[in-house]
Every structure is written in structure tokens, then in C-alpha cells.
Amino acid sequence: MSCPICRKATDTTYQPFCSRRCADVDLARWLRADYAIPAPLTEMDEETADQPTDSDDK
């Protein structure tokens, strides 16, 4: 198995990563919301997409 970040061989201590650094890179990506699970839009999503938000006024 290879590290999902840098593709090096994994270390059993940090599985599925090769090092603490790659584990931290992955955590940072989750915290920044770089990873997302796509979901179909619902009726409520479509209704709220047309409404202006407070940040649109600035």
C-alpha cells in the first residue's frame, strides 16, 4: 500500500500514511474542507441559492 499523499511506502505507525508530515497534510486538507462528498441538490438548496446573503451586500 502506498501513502495517499506522496505515494511512498506506508509506515505501520502512521498507516495509511508514510509519515507524520503526510498525516498532518491530510488533516489540514480536511480542516480546510478541500475534501467534499458530492451530493445532489435538494429543493431547499435550489430555493436558498436564489436568495441574497448578508455577504452579498458588502
Protein backbone atom coordinates (compact mmCIF):
# COMPACT_ATOMS: atom_id res chain seq x y z
CA MET A 1 0.00 0.00 0.00
CA SER A 2 1.27 3.48 -0.78
CA CYS A 3 0.78 6.78 1.02
CA PRO A 4 -2.21 8.68 -0.45
CA ILE A 5 -0.31 11.98 -0.17
CA CYS A 6 3.19 11.27 -1.56
CA ARG A 7 2.89 7.66 -2.84
CA LYS A 8 5.82 6.36 -0.73
CA ALA A 9 5.55 3.06 1.12
CA THR A 10 3.40 3.32 4.26
CA ASP A 11 4.72 3.09 7.80
CA THR A 12 2.72 0.94 10.23
CA THR A 13 2.96 3.72 12.84
CA TYR A 14 1.18 6.24 10.60
CA GLN A 15 -0.95 3.97 8.40
CA PRO A 16 -2.23 4.68 5.79
CA PHE A 17 0.45 7.38 5.55
CA CYS A 18 4.24 7.15 5.34
CA SER A 19 5.00 9.78 7.98
CA ARG A 20 3.57 12.23 10.48
CA ARG A 21 4.02 15.01 7.91
CA CYS A 22 1.74 13.32 5.35
CA ALA A 23 -0.83 12.58 8.06
CA ASP A 24 -0.79 16.27 9.01
CA VAL A 25 -1.11 17.33 5.36
CA ASP A 26 -4.21 15.14 5.06
CA LEU A 27 -5.68 16.55 8.30
CA ALA A 28 -5.11 20.11 7.05
CA ARG A 29 -6.95 19.27 3.83
CA TRP A 30 -9.94 18.01 5.83
CA LEU A 31 -9.93 21.08 8.08
CA ARG A 32 -9.85 23.44 5.06
CA ALA A 33 -12.74 21.44 3.55
CA ASP A 34 -10.67 20.54 0.48
CA TYR A 35 -12.34 17.13 0.54
CA ALA A 36 -16.07 17.03 -0.08
CA ILE A 37 -18.60 14.33 -0.73
CA PRO A 38 -20.78 15.41 -3.64
CA ALA A 39 -24.50 15.28 -3.02
CA PRO A 40 -27.42 16.01 -5.32
CA LEU A 41 -29.16 19.35 -4.83
CA THR A 42 -32.45 19.27 -2.98
CA GLU A 43 -35.41 21.60 -3.45
CA MET A 44 -34.35 23.57 -0.37
CA ASP A 45 -30.82 24.03 -1.78
CA GLU A 46 -32.23 25.40 -5.02
CA GLU A 47 -34.55 27.82 -3.18
CA THR A 48 -31.81 29.23 -0.94
CA ALA A 49 -29.35 29.54 -3.85
CA ASP A 50 -31.51 32.29 -5.36
CA GLN A 51 -31.72 34.36 -2.16
CA PRO A 52 -29.06 37.01 -1.46
CA THR A 53 -26.94 36.57 1.64
CA ASP A 54 -25.58 39.18 4.05
CA SER A 55 -22.12 38.91 2.44
CA ASP A 56 -23.59 39.89 -0.95
CA ASP A 57 -24.30 43.40 0.39
CA LYS A 58 -20.65 44.13 1.15
